Amino acid sequence: MNLRQHIPDDDPELKELILLIAEGGKKIQSSFIKKQGVAGTQNIYDEEQVEMDVWADQVLGEDFCNSGLVAAFASEERPEVINCEKGGKFSVVMDPLDGSSLMGINLSVGTIIGIYAGDNPLLPGREMVAAMYVLYGPLTTVTYTVKKGVHEFALDAEGEFVLQHEDMKIGSSKIYAPGALRKDWLPGHKKLIEDLEGQGYKLRFSGSFVADVHQILHKGGMFTYPGFIGREQGKLRLVFELNPMGFIVTQAGGSCSVGTQNNLDLTPEKIDHRVPVYVGGRTEIELAEKYMKGD
């Protein structure tokens, strides 16, 4: 079964938007060999952009505004919400190329997408109607949810996304992927990691958020990039990273949090709202909140 056949027909326009994004993933995948340089620019976070960051953002942004489906979108690579079609039914949030700094050593990177009804993309994550990511690794895969399970498709030699895993459930393996320097961890987070290590959790961390959460989705455990000394409010972005990926993991039976509450309940304060990140199995997220709340 291919992706078009699998996506429910309940909302034809939502189906077409998901397929449009999957086609955009094909364009991005085919261009890695040609666009490996540095763009010479910085994004809104003063991070140096690689050529593919800029190009992926441009490709997807143009697709959205030419589709007639998207009223507005917000991108990690842009300082403000972009308005497209007044008649568009959806708004989109995206990280066009998460983990792009790893391209030079050929590790997995990905595109993260969240979709809302209406023209406001800065809503609580729980209001998403769909979320998906494209992972560019040994296989190029699309993982999506429209709140009817989480499903994964791989790009085959004929250019079709074909079903690999249907109705995925988060695994139960003991894996943890911790960001930030250990010396800068806050006391509650340090106790959490010590507890996980005491239970025999193994460290698996690549530095690509989408790839690391993809591993957690398949195998189990927890990804975390906490608040830390000097950046107590966290480093990763609520709108573009944690909400879409947390939404997907939750639909697969997992959970997500900023350490003290479920991030999907938060209304973004601004486009670049940063938060501590905890996403994974329910047991691990409950444990994280126990330590971060000081219970």
Foldseek 3Di string as FASTA:
>chain_A
DFLLVPDDPPPVLVSVLLVLVVVLLVVLLVCLVPFQAWPPDAAPVRHTHGRSQVVLCVSVVVSQQPVLAEQWEAESRHQDIGGHDPNHFKYKYKDSWFPSVCSVVQAKIKIWMFIATDHDLQFQLVRTQKIWMWIRHPWTKIWMDRLPAIWMFTQDPVRTTHGDDTRAAFAAAQEEEEDDDLVFADPLVNVLVVVSVVVPRYYDYDNGLVVVLVCRRHHFHKYWYAQTVPRNFTDQALRHHQSRSQVNNVSNQAHKDLQQGGRSNDRAPHSRRHGIIMTTHNVSSVSSNCSSVVD
